[in-house]
Every structure is written in C-alpha cells, then in structure tokens.
C-alpha cells in the first residue's frame, strides 16, 4: 500500500478524521487526551516531571486501544507523528467545545 503524502495540516486533517470515525475510537482518544492534560497539570502543581510521562503513556495507550481494537486500523501517529498530535488536539477541543460530535456519523 502506498503511503499518502500531505503537504499541509489542512490536507492531513480530513484523513485524520477519517481514521477516527467510530464512537469508541473518539471516546478512547478523548479519555487519553484528558488524562494527558490532567497529568500535565499535576506535574506543574507538584513540580514532578514524571507525571508528564504518565500523561504521554495514558494518551497513547488509550488512543492505540481505540485504533487496534475498535477502529481496527494503524494509528496515524506512526507515519505522521506531529500532524497526528496536532489533529488529536484539534479534534479534542472541537469535541470539548461542541463543534464536533464524539458520536459516529451514520452513513445516509
């Protein structure tokens, strides 16, 4: 299978969203990213940088569970680590602000 090439985040983001269609995948990502932010806050409050590592492990752990067991695809972060991280944060905040649904969109 040929690897897709993206010249910008704007080109990448529709692909990213397509790789995160199922409700369960979006939920696992949302939980993992929420835990990441909680651990970052804990690290700042306690001055313990180890919490950042816990946050990264939580975020990737939950995301990969979503991809491997729910979406049944390979995480975009393996090929596009920086754009995937940006996509995760964008989707997270869009869901948080109600601009994007956490629920799977049904085919019409």
PDB file of N, CA and C in Angstrom:
ATOM      1  N   UNK A   1       0.849  -1.192   0.000  1.00  0.00           N
ATOM      2  CA  UNK A   1       0.000   0.000   0.000  1.00  0.00           C
ATOM      3  C   UNK A   1       0.880   1.235   0.000  1.00  0.00           C
ATOM      4  N   UNK A   2       0.587   2.169  -0.853  1.00  0.00           N
ATOM      5  CA  UNK A   2       1.369   3.383  -0.972  1.00  0.00           C
ATOM      6  C   UNK A   2       1.041   4.353   0.152  1.00  0.00           C
ATOM      7  N   UNK A   3       2.096   4.933   0.728  1.00  0.00           N
ATOM      8  CA  UNK A   3       1.913   5.901   1.798  1.00  0.00           C
ATOM      9  C   UNK A   3       1.391   7.213   1.223  1.00  0.00           C
ATOM     10  N   UNK A   4       0.385   7.789   1.896  1.00  0.00           N
ATOM     11  CA  UNK A   4      -0.155   9.070   1.460  1.00  0.00           C
ATOM     12  C   UNK A   4       0.831  10.163   1.830  1.00  0.00           C
ATOM     13  N   UNK A   5       0.902  11.193   1.019  1.00  0.00           N
ATOM     14  CA  UNK A   5       1.765  12.344   1.276  1.00  0.00           C
ATOM     15  C   UNK A   5       0.892  13.574   1.473  1.00  0.00           C
ATOM     16  N   UNK A   6       1.170  14.311   2.522  1.00  0.00           N
ATOM     17  CA  UNK A   6       0.421  15.529   2.817  1.00  0.00           C
ATOM     18  C   UNK A   6       1.386  16.694   2.864  1.00  0.00           C
ATOM     19  N   UNK A   7       0.994  17.779   2.225  1.00  0.00           N
ATOM     20  CA  UNK A   7       1.837  18.966   2.194  1.00  0.00           C
ATOM     21  C   UNK A   7       1.500  19.966   3.288  1.00  0.00           C
ATOM     22  N   UNK A   8       0.355  19.755   3.941  1.00  0.00           N
ATOM     23  CA  UNK A   8      -0.062  20.689   4.984  1.00  0.00           C
ATOM     24  C   UNK A   8      -0.991  19.977   5.958  1.00  0.00           C
ATOM     25  N   UNK A   9      -1.177  20.593   7.106  1.00  0.00           N
ATOM     26  CA  UNK A   9      -2.113  20.048   8.085  1.00  0.00           C
ATOM     27  C   UNK A   9      -3.534  20.089   7.533  1.00  0.00           C
ATOM     28  N   UNK A  10      -3.857  21.101   6.756  1.00  0.00           N
ATOM     29  CA  UNK A  10      -5.197  21.223   6.179  1.00  0.00           C
ATOM     30  C   UNK A  10      -5.498  20.046   5.257  1.00  0.00           C
ATOM     31  N   UNK A  11      -4.496  19.538   4.556  1.00  0.00           N
ATOM     32  CA  UNK A  11      -4.673  18.344   3.720  1.00  0.00           C
ATOM     33  C   UNK A  11      -4.766  17.092   4.586  1.00  0.00           C
ATOM     34  N   UNK A  12      -4.016  17.068   5.677  1.00  0.00           N
ATOM     35  CA  UNK A  12      -3.942  15.897   6.543  1.00  0.00           C
ATOM     36  C   UNK A  12      -5.195  15.696   7.381  1.00  0.00           C
ATOM     37  N   UNK A  13      -5.801  16.768   7.866  1.00  0.00           N
ATOM     38  CA  UNK A  13      -6.874  16.649   8.851  1.00  0.00           C
ATOM     39  C   UNK A  13      -8.086  15.834   8.379  1.00  0.00           C
ATOM     40  N   UNK A  14      -8.554  15.972   7.150  1.00  0.00           N
ATOM     41  CA  UNK A  14      -9.657  15.092   6.710  1.00  0.00           C
ATOM     42  C   UNK A  14      -9.272  13.608   6.778  1.00  0.00           C
ATOM     43  N   UNK A  15      -8.030  13.286   6.432  1.00  0.00           N
ATOM     44  CA  UNK A  15      -7.537  11.911   6.558  1.00  0.00           C
ATOM     45  C   UNK A  15      -7.552  11.490   8.028  1.00  0.00           C
ATOM     46  N   UNK A  16      -7.086  12.371   8.908  1.00  0.00           N
ATOM     47  CA  UNK A  16      -7.062  12.084  10.346  1.00  0.00           C
ATOM     48  C   UNK A  16      -8.470  11.770  10.861  1.00  0.00           C
ATOM     49  N   UNK A  17      -9.430  12.616  10.488  1.00  0.00           N
ATOM     50  CA  UNK A  17     -10.807  12.393  10.938  1.00  0.00           C
ATOM     51  C   UNK A  17     -11.366  11.090  10.377  1.00  0.00           C
ATOM     52  N   UNK A  18     -11.006  10.744   9.157  1.00  0.00           N
ATOM     53  CA  UNK A  18     -11.466   9.504   8.547  1.00  0.00           C
ATOM     54  C   UNK A  18     -10.924   8.281   9.291  1.00  0.00           C
ATOM     55  N   UNK A  19      -9.767   8.424   9.904  1.00  0.00           N
ATOM     56  CA  UNK A  19      -9.161   7.345  10.685  1.00  0.00           C
ATOM     57  C   UNK A  19      -9.740   7.272  12.097  1.00  0.00           C
ATOM     58  N   UNK A  20     -10.648   8.181  12.423  1.00  0.00           N
ATOM     59  CA  UNK A  20     -11.263   8.265  13.757  1.00  0.00           C
ATOM     60  C   UNK A  20     -12.780   8.384  13.625  1.00  0.00           C
ATOM     61  N   UNK A  21     -13.376   7.481  12.869  1.00  0.00           N
ATOM     62  CA  UNK A  21     -14.807   7.565  12.591  1.00  0.00           C
ATOM     63  C   UNK A  21     -15.676   7.001  13.705  1.00  0.00           C
ATOM     64  N   UNK A  22     -15.226   5.947  14.331  1.00  0.00           N
ATOM     65  CA  UNK A  22     -16.072   5.222  15.280  1.00  0.00           C
ATOM     66  C   UNK A  22     -16.125   5.923  16.640  1.00  0.00           C
ATOM     67  N   UNK A  23     -17.301   5.861  17.245  1.00  0.00           N
ATOM     68  CA  UNK A  23     -17.522   6.488  18.545  1.00  0.00           C
ATOM     69  C   UNK A  23     -16.512   6.006  19.571  1.00  0.00           C
ATOM     70  N   UNK A  24     -16.274   4.703  19.626  1.00  0.00           N
ATOM     71  CA  UNK A  24     -15.350   4.152  20.612  1.00  0.00           C
ATOM     72  C   UNK A  24     -13.941   4.691  20.461  1.00  0.00           C
ATOM     73  N   UNK A  25     -13.505   4.863  19.228  1.00  0.00           N
ATOM     74  CA  UNK A  25     -12.169   5.409  18.985  1.00  0.00           C
ATOM     75  C   UNK A  25     -12.095   6.849  19.461  1.00  0.00           C
ATOM     76  N   UNK A  26     -13.114   7.622  19.166  1.00  0.00           N
ATOM     77  CA  UNK A  26     -13.133   9.021  19.611  1.00  0.00           C
ATOM     78  C   UNK A  26     -13.183   9.104  21.136  1.00  0.00           C
ATOM     79  N   UNK A  27     -13.934   8.202  21.762  1.00  0.00           N
ATOM     80  CA  UNK A  27     -14.015   8.200  23.225  1.00  0.00           C
ATOM     81  C   UNK A  27     -12.666   7.843  23.840  1.00  0.00           C
ATOM     82  N   UNK A  28     -12.011   6.802  23.319  1.00  0.00           N
ATOM     83  CA  UNK A  28     -10.714   6.429  23.889  1.00  0.00           C
ATOM     84  C   UNK A  28      -9.689   7.545  23.705  1.00  0.00           C
ATOM     85  N   UNK A  29      -9.718   8.214  22.562  1.00  0.00           N
ATOM     86  CA  UNK A  29      -8.825   9.359  22.356  1.00  0.00           C
ATOM     87  C   UNK A  29      -9.152  10.484  23.338  1.00  0.00           C
ATOM     88  N   UNK A  30     -10.428  10.757  23.503  1.00  0.00           N
ATOM     89  CA  UNK A  30     -10.840  11.845  24.387  1.00  0.00           C
ATOM     90  C   UNK A  30     -10.408  11.559  25.829  1.00  0.00           C
ATOM     91  N   UNK A  31     -10.585  10.325  26.272  1.00  0.00           N
ATOM     92  CA  UNK A  31     -10.155   9.949  27.625  1.00  0.00           C
ATOM     93  C   UNK A  31      -8.640  10.089  27.754  1.00  0.00           C
ATOM     94  N   UNK A  32      -7.910   9.548  26.797  1.00  0.00           N
ATOM     95  CA  UNK A  32      -6.449   9.607  26.848  1.00  0.00           C
ATOM     96  C   UNK A  32      -5.917  11.027  26.836  1.00  0.00           C
ATOM     97  N   UNK A  33      -6.474  11.875  25.997  1.00  0.00           N
ATOM     98  CA  UNK A  33      -6.024  13.269  25.923  1.00  0.00           C
ATOM     99  C   UNK A  33      -6.408  14.026  27.192  1.00  0.00           C
ATOM    100  N   UNK A  34      -7.576  13.729  27.742  1.00  0.00           N
ATOM    101  CA  UNK A  34      -7.970  14.345  29.018  1.00  0.00           C
ATOM    102  C   UNK A  34      -6.985  13.960  30.117  1.00  0.00           C
ATOM    103  N   UNK A  35      -6.625  12.679  30.173  1.00  0.00           N
ATOM    104  CA  UNK A  35      -5.649  12.231  31.172  1.00  0.00           C
ATOM    105  C   UNK A  35      -4.301  12.909  30.963  1.00  0.00           C
ATOM    106  N   UNK A  36      -3.913  13.088  29.707  1.00  0.00           N
ATOM    107  CA  UNK A  36      -2.663  13.787  29.421  1.00  0.00           C
ATOM    108  C   UNK A  36      -2.677  15.185  30.048  1.00  0.00           C
ATOM    109  N   UNK A  37      -3.742  15.926  29.809  1.00  0.00           N
ATOM    110  CA  UNK A  37      -3.821  17.287  30.360  1.00  0.00           C
ATOM    111  C   UNK A  37      -3.865  17.272  31.893  1.00  0.00           C
ATOM    112  N   UNK A  38      -4.564  16.304  32.470  1.00  0.00           N
ATOM    113  CA  UNK A  38      -4.612  16.191  33.932  1.00  0.00           C
ATOM    114  C   UNK A  38      -3.211  15.931  34.488  1.00  0.00           C
ATOM    115  N   UNK A  39      -2.477  15.019  33.860  1.00  0.00           N
ATOM    116  CA  UNK A  39      -1.122  14.727  34.330  1.00  0.00           C
ATOM    117  C   UNK A  39      -0.178  15.916  34.134  1.00  0.00           C
ATOM    118  N   UNK A  40      -0.342  16.671  33.060  1.00  0.00           N
ATOM    119  CA  UNK A  40       0.485  17.868  32.873  1.00  0.00           C
ATOM    120  C   UNK A  40       0.200  18.874  33.991  1.00  0.00           C
ATOM    121  N   UNK A  41      -1.062  19.057  34.316  1.00  0.00           N
ATOM    122  CA  UNK A  41      -1.427  19.965  35.412  1.00  0.00           C
ATOM    123  C   UNK A  41      -0.847  19.457  36.729  1.00  0.00           C
ATOM    124  N   UNK A  42      -0.933  18.153  36.963  1.00  0.00           N
ATOM    125  CA  UNK A  42      -0.362  17.584  38.183  1.00  0.00           C
ATOM    126  C   UNK A  42       1.153  17.801  38.240  1.00  0.00           C
ATOM    127  N   UNK A  43       1.805  17.681  37.084  1.00  0.00           N
ATOM    128  CA  UNK A  43       3.244  17.906  37.024  1.00  0.00           C
ATOM    129  C   UNK A  43       3.598  19.347  37.390  1.00  0.00           C
ATOM    130  N   UNK A  44       2.803  20.283  36.901  1.00  0.00           N
ATOM    131  CA  UNK A  44       3.034  21.701  37.207  1.00  0.00           C
ATOM    132  C   UNK A  44       2.802  21.974  38.690  1.00  0.00           C
ATOM    133  N   UNK A  45       1.723  21.442  39.227  1.00  0.00           N
ATOM    134  CA  UNK A  45       1.372  21.690  40.626  1.00  0.00           C
ATOM    135  C   UNK A  45       2.392  21.067  41.581  1.00  0.00           C
ATOM    136  N   UNK A  46       2.807  19.835  41.282  1.00  0.00           N
ATOM    137  CA  UNK A  46       3.688  19.104  42.199  1.00  0.00           C
ATOM    138  C   UNK A  46       5.172  19.257  41.881  1.00  0.00           C
ATOM    139  N   UNK A  47       5.476  19.879  40.740  1.00  0.00           N
ATOM    140  CA  UNK A  47       6.866  20.002  40.273  1.00  0.00           C
ATOM    141  C   UNK A  47       7.514  18.630  40.066  1.00  0.00           C
ATOM    142  N   UNK A  48       6.700  17.674  39.627  1.00  0.00           N
ATOM    143  CA  UNK A  48       7.170  16.319  39.362  1.00  0.00           C
ATOM    144  C   UNK A  48       7.047  16.027  37.866  1.00  0.00           C
ATOM    145  N   UNK A  49       8.138  16.134  37.120  1.00  0.00           N
ATOM    146  CA  UNK A  49       8.069  15.919  35.673  1.00  0.00           C
ATOM    147  C   UNK A  49       7.662  14.501  35.268  1.00  0.00           C
ATOM    148  N   UNK A  50       7.784  13.541  36.175  1.00  0.00           N
ATOM    149  CA  UNK A  50       7.390  12.171  35.853  1.00  0.00           C
ATOM    150  C   UNK A  50       5.913  12.081  35.465  1.00  0.00           C
ATOM    151  N   UNK A  51       5.089  12.985  35.965  1.00  0.00           N
ATOM    152  CA  UNK A  51       3.675  12.984  35.603  1.00  0.00           C
ATOM    153  C   UNK A  51       3.469  13.203  34.101  1.00  0.00           C
ATOM    154  N   UNK A  52       4.368  13.932  33.465  1.00  0.00           N
ATOM    155  CA  UNK A  52       4.251  14.139  32.014  1.00  0.00           C
ATOM    156  C   UNK A  52       4.396  12.804  31.292  1.00  0.00           C
ATOM    157  N   UNK A  53       5.332  11.981  31.752  1.00  0.00           N
ATOM    158  CA  UNK A  53       5.483  10.645  31.171  1.00  0.00           C
ATOM    159  C   UNK A  53       4.202   9.837  31.345  1.00  0.00           C
ATOM    160  N   UNK A  54       3.599   9.906  32.526  1.00  0.00           N
ATOM    161  CA  UNK A  54       2.331   9.210  32.755  1.00  0.00           C
ATOM    162  C   UNK A  54       1.258   9.716  31.785  1.00  0.00           C
ATOM    163  N   UNK A  55       1.269  11.003  31.525  1.00  0.00           N
ATOM    164  CA  UNK A  55       0.299  11.577  30.593  1.00  0.00           C
ATOM    165  C   UNK A  55       0.483  11.066  29.177  1.00  0.00           C
ATOM    166  N   UNK A  56       1.729  11.004  28.741  1.00  0.00           N
ATOM    167  CA  UNK A  56       2.018  10.514  27.385  1.00  0.00           C
ATOM    168  C   UNK A  56       1.622   9.040  27.266  1.00  0.00           C
ATOM    169  N   UNK A  57       1.971   8.245  28.280  1.00  0.00           N
ATOM    170  CA  UNK A  57       1.608   6.822  28.264  1.00  0.00           C
ATOM    171  C   UNK A  57       0.089   6.655  28.245  1.00  0.00           C
ATOM    172  N   UNK A  58      -0.614   7.450  29.043  1.00  0.00           N
ATOM    173  CA  UNK A  58      -2.083   7.384  29.066  1.00  0.00           C
ATOM    174  C   UNK A  58      -2.679   7.752  27.716  1.00  0.00           C
ATOM    175  N   UNK A  59      -2.203   8.849  27.156  1.00  0.00           N
ATOM    176  CA  UNK A  59      -2.753   9.323  25.879  1.00  0.00           C
ATOM    177  C   UNK A  59      -2.554   8.299  24.779  1.00  0.00           C
ATOM    178  N   UNK A  60      -1.319   7.824  24.614  1.00  0.00           N
ATOM    179  CA  UNK A  60      -1.059   6.855  23.557  1.00  0.00           C
ATOM    180  C   UNK A  60      -1.709   5.510  23.852  1.00  0.00           C
ATOM    181  N   UNK A  61      -1.708   5.106  25.109  1.00  0.00           N
ATOM    182  CA  UNK A  61      -2.335   3.830  25.468  1.00  0.00           C
ATOM    183  C   UNK A  61      -3.802   3.790  25.096  1.00  0.00           C
ATOM    184  N   UNK A  62      -4.541   4.811  25.497  1.00  0.00           N
ATOM    185  CA  UNK A  62      -5.968   4.849  25.164  1.00  0.00           C
ATOM    186  C   UNK A  62      -6.191   4.983  23.666  1.00  0.00           C
ATOM    187  N   UNK A  63      -5.389   5.820  23.006  1.00  0.00           N
ATOM    188  CA  UNK A  63      -5.541   6.004  21.556  1.00  0.00           C
ATOM    189  C   UNK A  63      -5.284   4.696  20.817  1.00  0.00           C
ATOM    190  N   UNK A  64      -4.237   3.998  21.177  1.00  0.00           N
ATOM    191  CA  UNK A  64      -3.890   2.763  20.476  1.00  0.00           C
ATOM    192  C   UNK A  64      -4.914   1.669  20.737  1.00  0.00           C
ATOM    193  N   UNK A  65      -5.491   1.626  21.930  1.00  0.00           N
ATOM    194  CA  UNK A  65      -6.583   0.682  22.187  1.00  0.00           C
ATOM    195  C   UNK A  65      -7.729   0.959  21.212  1.00  0.00           C
ATOM    196  N   UNK A  66      -8.060   2.233  21.038  1.00  0.00           N
ATOM    197  CA  UNK A  66      -9.114   2.613  20.107  1.00  0.00           C
ATOM    198  C   UNK A  66      -8.822   2.185  18.682  1.00  0.00           C
ATOM    199  N   UNK A  67      -7.580   2.383  18.261  1.00  0.00           N
ATOM    200  CA  UNK A  67      -7.234   2.030  16.876  1.00  0.00           C
ATOM    201  C   UNK A  67      -7.159   0.521  16.665  1.00  0.00           C
ATOM    202  N   UNK A  68      -6.470  -0.175  17.534  1.00  0.00           N
ATOM    203  CA  UNK A  68      -6.246  -1.606  17.318  1.00  0.00           C
ATOM    204  C   UNK A  68      -7.494  -2.454  17.559  1.00  0.00           C
ATOM    205  N   UNK A  69      -8.318  -2.081  18.552  1.00  0.00           N
ATOM    206  CA  UNK A  69      -9.438  -2.942  18.929  1.00  0.00           C
ATOM    207  C   UNK A  69     -10.809  -2.421  18.494  1.00  0.00           C
ATOM    208  N   UNK A  70     -10.937  -1.138  18.237  1.00  0.00           N
ATOM    209  CA  UNK A  70     -12.241  -0.579  17.863  1.00  0.00           C
ATOM    210  C   UNK A  70     -12.262  -0.190  16.383  1.00  0.00           C
ATOM    211  N   UNK A  71     -11.369   0.698  16.002  1.00  0.00           N
ATOM    212  CA  UNK A  71     -11.332   1.183  14.615  1.00  0.00           C
ATOM    213  C   UNK A  71     -10.694   0.141  13.689  1.00  0.00           C
ATOM    214  N   UNK A  72      -9.811  -0.673  14.272  1.00  0.00           N
ATOM    215  CA  UNK A  72      -9.083  -1.716  13.539  1.00  0.00           C
ATOM    216  C   UNK A  72      -8.247  -1.126  12.394  1.00  0.00           C
ATOM    217  N   UNK A  73      -7.491  -0.091  12.741  1.00  0.00           N
ATOM    218  CA  UNK A  73      -6.553   0.498  11.788  1.00  0.00           C
ATOM    219  C   UNK A  73      -5.258   0.849  12.518  1.00  0.00           C
ATOM    220  N   UNK A  74      -4.288   1.298  11.769  1.00  0.00           N
ATOM    221  CA  UNK A  74      -2.996   1.654  12.341  1.00  0.00           C
ATOM    222  C   UNK A  74      -3.020   3.136  12.701  1.00  0.00           C
ATOM    223  N   UNK A  75      -2.576   3.500  13.914  1.00  0.00           N
ATOM    224  CA  UNK A  75      -2.584   4.907  14.308  1.00  0.00           C
ATOM    225  C   UNK A  75      -1.798   5.782  13.322  1.00  0.00           C
ATOM    226  N   UNK A  76      -2.366   6.929  13.005  1.00  0.00           N
ATOM    227  CA  UNK A  76      -1.716   7.871  12.078  1.00  0.00           C
ATOM    228  C   UNK A  76      -0.391   8.368  12.644  1.00  0.00           C
ATOM    229  N   UNK A  77      -0.237   8.306  13.950  1.00  0.00           N
ATOM    230  CA  UNK A  77       0.986   8.809  14.570  1.00  0.00           C
ATOM    231  C   UNK A  77       2.223   8.032  14.133  1.00  0.00           C
ATOM    232  N   UNK A  78       2.053   6.798  13.664  1.00  0.00           N
ATOM    233  CA  UNK A  78       3.203   6.018  13.212  1.00  0.00           C
ATOM    234  C   UNK A  78       3.836   6.622  11.962  1.00  0.00           C
ATOM    235  N   UNK A  79       3.018   7.209  11.095  1.00  0.00           N
ATOM    236  CA  UNK A  79       3.540   7.813   9.864  1.00  0.00           C
ATOM    237  C   UNK A  79       3.645   9.331   9.949  1.00  0.00           C
ATOM    238  N   UNK A  80       2.777   9.953  10.725  1.00  0.00           N
ATOM    239  CA  UNK A  80       2.688  11.409  10.772  1.00  0.00           C
ATOM    240  C   UNK A  80       2.639  11.879  12.235  1.00  0.00           C
ATOM    241  N   UNK A  81       3.717  11.721  12.985  1.00  0.00           N
ATOM    242  CA  UNK A  81       3.639  11.983  14.430  1.00  0.00           C
ATOM    243  C   UNK A  81       3.236  13.411  14.798  1.00  0.00           C
ATOM    244  N   UNK A  82       3.793  14.420  14.167  1.00  0.00           N
ATOM    245  CA  UNK A  82       3.472  15.798  14.558  1.00  0.00           C
ATOM    246  C   UNK A  82       2.097  16.229  14.076  1.00  0.00           C
ATOM    247  N   UNK A  83       1.766  15.886  12.835  1.00  0.00           N
ATOM    248  CA  UNK A  83       0.437  16.249  12.338  1.00  0.00           C
ATOM    249  C   UNK A  83      -0.642  15.469  13.085  1.00  0.00           C
ATOM    250  N   UNK A  84      -0.346  14.246  13.469  1.00  0.00           N
ATOM    251  CA  UNK A  84      -1.304  13.440  14.220  1.00  0.00           C
ATOM    252  C   UNK A  84      -1.541  14.032  15.609  1.00  0.00           C
ATOM    253  N   UNK A  85      -0.478  14.484  16.258  1.00  0.00           N
ATOM    254  CA  UNK A  85      -0.623  15.129  17.569  1.00  0.00           C
ATOM    255  C   UNK A  85      -1.472  16.387  17.450  1.00  0.00           C
ATOM    256  N   UNK A  86      -1.193  17.178  16.436  1.00  0.00           N
ATOM    257  CA  UNK A  86      -1.994  18.385  16.202  1.00  0.00           C
ATOM    258  C   UNK A  86      -3.453  18.029  15.905  1.00  0.00           C
ATOM    259  N   UNK A  87      -3.662  16.965  15.110  1.00  0.00           N
ATOM    260  CA  UNK A  87      -5.013  16.516  14.803  1.00  0.00           C
ATOM    261  C   UNK A  87      -5.747  16.051  16.047  1.00  0.00           C
ATOM    262  N   UNK A  88      -5.041  15.353  16.932  1.00  0.00           N
ATOM    263  CA  UNK A  88      -5.654  14.888  18.171  1.00  0.00           C
ATOM    264  C   UNK A  88      -6.113  16.064  19.019  1.00  0.00           C
ATOM    265  N   UNK A  89      -5.245  17.057  19.167  1.00  0.00           N
ATOM    266  CA  UNK A  89      -5.621  18.226  19.969  1.00  0.00           C
ATOM    267  C   UNK A  89      -6.765  18.999  19.315  1.00  0.00           C
ATOM    268  N   UNK A  90      -6.729  19.124  17.999  1.00  0.00           N
ATOM    269  CA  UNK A  90      -7.811  19.847  17.312  1.00  0.00           C
ATOM    270  C   UNK A  90      -9.144  19.122  17.501  1.00  0.00           C
ATOM    271  N   UNK A  91      -9.165  17.814  17.264  1.00  0.00           N
ATOM    272  CA  UNK A  91     -10.404  17.059  17.426  1.00  0.00           C
ATOM    273  C   UNK A  91     -10.873  17.096  18.876  1.00  0.00           C
ATOM    274  N   UNK A  92      -9.945  16.996  19.830  1.00  0.00           N
ATOM    275  CA  UNK A  92     -10.274  17.036  21.257  1.00  0.00           C
ATOM    276  C   UNK A  92     -11.003  18.330  21.605  1.00  0.00           C
ATOM    277  N   UNK A  93     -10.424  19.455  21.206  1.00  0.00           N
ATOM    278  CA  UNK A  93     -11.036  20.736  21.560  1.00  0.00           C
ATOM    279  C   UNK A  93     -12.312  21.003  20.779  1.00  0.00           C
ATOM    280  N   UNK A  94     -12.418  20.491  19.563  1.00  0.00           N
ATOM    281  CA  UNK A  94     -13.675  20.624  18.827  1.00  0.00           C
ATOM    282  C   UNK A  94     -14.788  19.831  19.515  1.00  0.00           C
ATOM    283  N   UNK A  95     -14.465  18.648  20.018  1.00  0.00           N
ATOM    284  CA  UNK A  95     -15.451  17.866  20.765  1.00  0.00           C
ATOM    285  C   UNK A  95     -15.795  18.580  22.066  1.00  0.00           C
ATOM    286  N   UNK A  96     -14.789  19.047  22.775  1.00  0.00           N
ATOM    287  CA  UNK A  96     -14.987  19.729  24.053  1.00  0.00           C
ATOM    288  C   UNK A  96     -15.873  20.965  23.899  1.00  0.00           C
ATOM    289  N   UNK A  97     -15.699  21.692  22.800  1.00  0.00           N
ATOM    290  CA  UNK A  97     -16.468  22.917  22.553  1.00  0.00           C
ATOM    291  C   UNK A  97     -17.788  22.666  21.824  1.00  0.00           C
ATOM    292  N   UNK A  98     -18.093  21.405  21.520  1.00  0.00           N
ATOM    293  CA  UNK A  98     -19.352  21.069  20.864  1.00  0.00           C
ATOM    294  C   UNK A  98     -19.365  21.345  19.371  1.00  0.00           C
ATOM    295  N   UNK A  99     -18.206  21.570  18.771  1.00  0.00           N
ATOM    296  CA  UNK A  99     -18.136  21.832  17.329  1.00  0.00           C
ATOM    297  C   UNK A  99     -18.046  20.546  16.515  1.00  0.00           C
ATOM    298  N   UNK A 100     -17.740  19.458  17.194  1.00  0.00           N
ATOM    299  CA  UNK A 100     -17.617  18.142  16.563  1.00  0.00           C
ATOM    300  C   UNK A 100     -18.257  17.138  17.513  1.00  0.00           C
ATOM    301  N   UNK A 101     -18.899  16.130  16.968  1.00  0.00           N
ATOM    302  CA  UNK A 101     -19.548  15.117  17.793  1.00  0.00           C
ATOM    303  C   UNK A 101     -18.571  14.003  18.149  1.00  0.00           C
ATOM    304  N   UNK A 102     -18.719  13.479  19.345  1.00  0.00           N
ATOM    305  CA  UNK A 102     -17.941  12.306  19.735  1.00  0.00           C
ATOM    306  C   UNK A 102     -18.579  11.048  19.158  1.00  0.00           C
ATOM    307  N   UNK A 103     -19.829  11.184  18.711  1.00  0.00           N
ATOM    308  CA  UNK A 103     -20.581  10.056  18.188  1.00  0.00           C
ATOM    309  C   UNK A 103     -20.258   9.821  16.711  1.00  0.00           C
ATOM    310  N   UNK A 104     -20.288   8.567  16.362  1.00  0.00           N
ATOM    311  CA  UNK A 104     -20.044   8.154  14.980  1.00  0.00           C
ATOM    312  C   UNK A 104     -21.115   8.737  14.066  1.00  0.00           C
ATOM    313  N   UNK A 105     -20.678   9.217  12.924  1.00  0.00           N
ATOM    314  CA  UNK A 105     -21.645   9.729  11.942  1.00  0.00           C
ATOM    315  C   UNK A 105     -22.169   8.556  11.122  1.00  0.00           C
ATOM    316  N   UNK A 106     -23.479   8.450  11.047  1.00  0.00           N
ATOM    317  CA  UNK A 106     -24.112   7.363  10.303  1.00  0.00           C
ATOM    318  C   UNK A 106     -24.118   7.682   8.813  1.00  0.00           C
ATOM    319  N   UNK A 107     -23.880   6.642   8.010  1.00  0.00           N
ATOM    320  CA  UNK A 107     -23.937   6.791   6.557  1.00  0.00           C
ATOM    321  C   UNK A 107     -25.393   6.945   6.133  1.00  0.00           C
ATOM    322  N   UNK A 108     -25.655   7.869   5.232  1.00  0.00           N
ATOM    323  CA  UNK A 108     -27.039   8.082   4.778  1.00  0.00           C
ATOM    324  C   UNK A 108     -27.284   7.412   3.454  1.00  0.00           C
TER     325      UNK A 108
END
